[in-house]
C-alpha atoms as a PDB file:
ATOM      1  CA  MET A   1       6.974   4.680  -8.810  1.00  0.00           C
ATOM      2  CA  SER A   2       7.781   1.633  -6.699  1.00  0.00           C
ATOM      3  CA  LEU A   3       5.465   0.211  -4.066  1.00  0.00           C
ATOM      4  CA  GLU A   4       8.072   0.980  -1.421  1.00  0.00           C
ATOM      5  CA  LYS A   5       8.254   4.621  -2.559  1.00  0.00           C
ATOM      6  CA  ILE A   6       4.461   4.945  -2.430  1.00  0.00           C
ATOM      7  CA  PHE A   7       4.367   3.618   1.145  1.00  0.00           C
ATOM      8  CA  ALA A   8       7.293   5.854   2.115  1.00  0.00           C
ATOM      9  CA  ASP A   9       5.577   8.932   0.665  1.00  0.00           C
ATOM     10  CA  VAL A  10       2.122   8.266   2.136  1.00  0.00           C
ATOM     11  CA  PHE A  11       3.351   7.364   5.616  1.00  0.00           C
ATOM     12  CA  ALA A  12       6.435   9.652   5.773  1.00  0.00           C
ATOM     13  CA  LEU A  13       8.859   6.732   6.099  1.00  0.00           C
ATOM     14  CA  GLN A  14      12.359   6.099   4.846  1.00  0.00           C
ATOM     15  CA  ALA A  15      11.969   3.986   1.675  1.00  0.00           C
ATOM     16  CA  SER A  16      14.772   1.733   2.917  1.00  0.00           C
ATOM     17  CA  THR A  17      12.598   0.692   5.895  1.00  0.00           C
ATOM     18  CA  VAL A  18       9.683  -0.459   3.719  1.00  0.00           C
ATOM     19  CA  ASN A  19       9.462  -4.203   3.098  1.00  0.00           C
ATOM     20  CA  ASP A  20       6.706  -6.798   2.690  1.00  0.00           C
ATOM     21  CA  GLN A  21       6.657  -7.540   6.431  1.00  0.00           C
ATOM     22  CA  LEU A  22       5.907  -3.930   7.380  1.00  0.00           C
ATOM     23  CA  GLU A  23       2.436  -3.978   8.977  1.00  0.00           C
ATOM     24  CA  LEU A  24      -0.241  -1.454   9.816  1.00  0.00           C
ATOM     25  CA  ALA A  25       0.299  -1.952  13.545  1.00  0.00           C
ATOM     26  CA  SER A  26       3.924  -0.825  13.284  1.00  0.00           C
ATOM     27  CA  ILE A  27       3.182   2.433  11.420  1.00  0.00           C
ATOM     28  CA  PRO A  28       1.689   5.064  13.757  1.00  0.00           C
ATOM     29  CA  ALA A  29       0.600   7.219  10.798  1.00  0.00           C
ATOM     30  CA  TRP A  30      -1.435   4.374   9.266  1.00  0.00           C
ATOM     31  CA  ASP A  31      -5.017   5.339  10.099  1.00  0.00           C
ATOM     32  CA  SER A  32      -8.221   5.281   8.042  1.00  0.00           C
ATOM     33  CA  LEU A  33      -7.398   8.534   6.242  1.00  0.00           C
ATOM     34  CA  THR A  34      -3.865   7.569   5.268  1.00  0.00           C
ATOM     35  CA  HIS A  35      -5.129   4.102   4.322  1.00  0.00           C
ATOM     36  CA  MET A  36      -7.449   5.706   1.763  1.00  0.00           C
ATOM     37  CA  MET A  37      -4.636   7.989   0.577  1.00  0.00           C
ATOM     38  CA  LEU A  38      -2.560   4.842   0.030  1.00  0.00           C
ATOM     39  CA  ILE A  39      -5.380   3.173  -1.921  1.00  0.00           C
ATOM     40  CA  VAL A  40      -5.847   6.208  -4.184  1.00  0.00           C
ATOM     41  CA  GLN A  41      -2.113   6.378  -4.853  1.00  0.00           C
ATOM     42  CA  LEU A  42      -1.925   2.647  -5.632  1.00  0.00           C
ATOM     43  CA  GLU A  43      -4.943   2.759  -7.940  1.00  0.00           C
ATOM     44  CA  ASP A  44      -3.668   5.860  -9.752  1.00  0.00           C
ATOM     45  CA  THR A  45      -0.115   4.582 -10.126  1.00  0.00           C
ATOM     46  CA  TYR A  46      -0.982   1.062 -11.242  1.00  0.00           C
ATOM     47  CA  LYS A  47      -4.193   1.949 -13.133  1.00  0.00           C
ATOM     48  CA  ILE A  48      -6.328  -0.590 -11.279  1.00  0.00           C
ATOM     49  CA  GLN A  49      -9.396  -0.605  -9.064  1.00  0.00           C
ATOM     50  CA  LEU A  50      -9.177  -2.494  -5.788  1.00  0.00           C
ATOM     51  CA  SER A  51     -12.268  -4.163  -4.364  1.00  0.00           C
ATOM     52  CA  GLY A  52     -13.681  -3.307  -0.966  1.00  0.00           C
ATOM     53  CA  ASP A  53     -12.466  -6.642   0.377  1.00  0.00           C
ATOM     54  CA  GLU A  54      -8.936  -6.047  -0.943  1.00  0.00           C
ATOM     55  CA  ILE A  55      -8.892  -2.614   0.652  1.00  0.00           C
ATOM     56  CA  ALA A  56     -10.168  -3.929   3.992  1.00  0.00           C
ATOM     57  CA  ASP A  57      -7.726  -6.858   3.988  1.00  0.00           C
ATOM     58  CA  MET A  58      -4.673  -4.706   3.258  1.00  0.00           C
ATOM     59  CA  LYS A  59      -2.761  -4.744   6.523  1.00  0.00           C
ATOM     60  CA  SER A  60       0.845  -4.905   5.308  1.00  0.00           C
ATOM     61  CA  VAL A  61       3.069  -4.006   2.390  1.00  0.00           C
ATOM     62  CA  GLY A  62       2.993  -7.674   1.385  1.00  0.00           C
ATOM     63  CA  ASP A  63      -0.820  -7.591   1.297  1.00  0.00           C
ATOM     64  CA  ALA A  64      -0.683  -4.562  -0.987  1.00  0.00           C
ATOM     65  CA  ARG A  65       1.842  -6.280  -3.260  1.00  0.00           C
ATOM     66  CA  ARG A  66      -0.342  -9.402  -3.541  1.00  0.00           C
ATOM     67  CA  ALA A  67      -3.454  -7.326  -4.281  1.00  0.00           C
ATOM     68  CA  LEU A  68      -1.646  -5.455  -7.042  1.00  0.00           C
ATOM     69  CA  GLN A  69      -0.271  -8.677  -8.519  1.00  0.00           C
ATOM     70  CA  ALA A  70      -3.787 -10.159  -8.519  1.00  0.00           C
ATOM     71  CA  HIS A  71      -4.723  -7.287 -10.882  1.00  0.00           C
ATOM     72  CA  GLY A  72      -1.760  -7.983 -13.156  1.00  0.00           C
ATOM     73  CA  ALA A  73       0.298  -5.059 -11.876  1.00  0.00           C
ATOM     74  CA  THR A  74       4.041  -5.364 -11.292  1.00  0.00           C
ATOM     75  CA  PRO A  75       4.736  -3.498  -8.050  1.00  0.00           C
END
């Protein structure tokens, strides 16, 4: 599953609207609960464990992509 598809599924977005510049502030559904749903989906899909700092610093699709890449994942 692609990173864009994960974001689209978690936040009920059109996958075509998801890009690295998409930020938390522009997604009304992005709250603390959906943020944790996103983290669980990312960790399950890419078989990684994100640190607390990585989770807290994730404020855009690009941030998520960089965090995954730092763990050797190919989002």
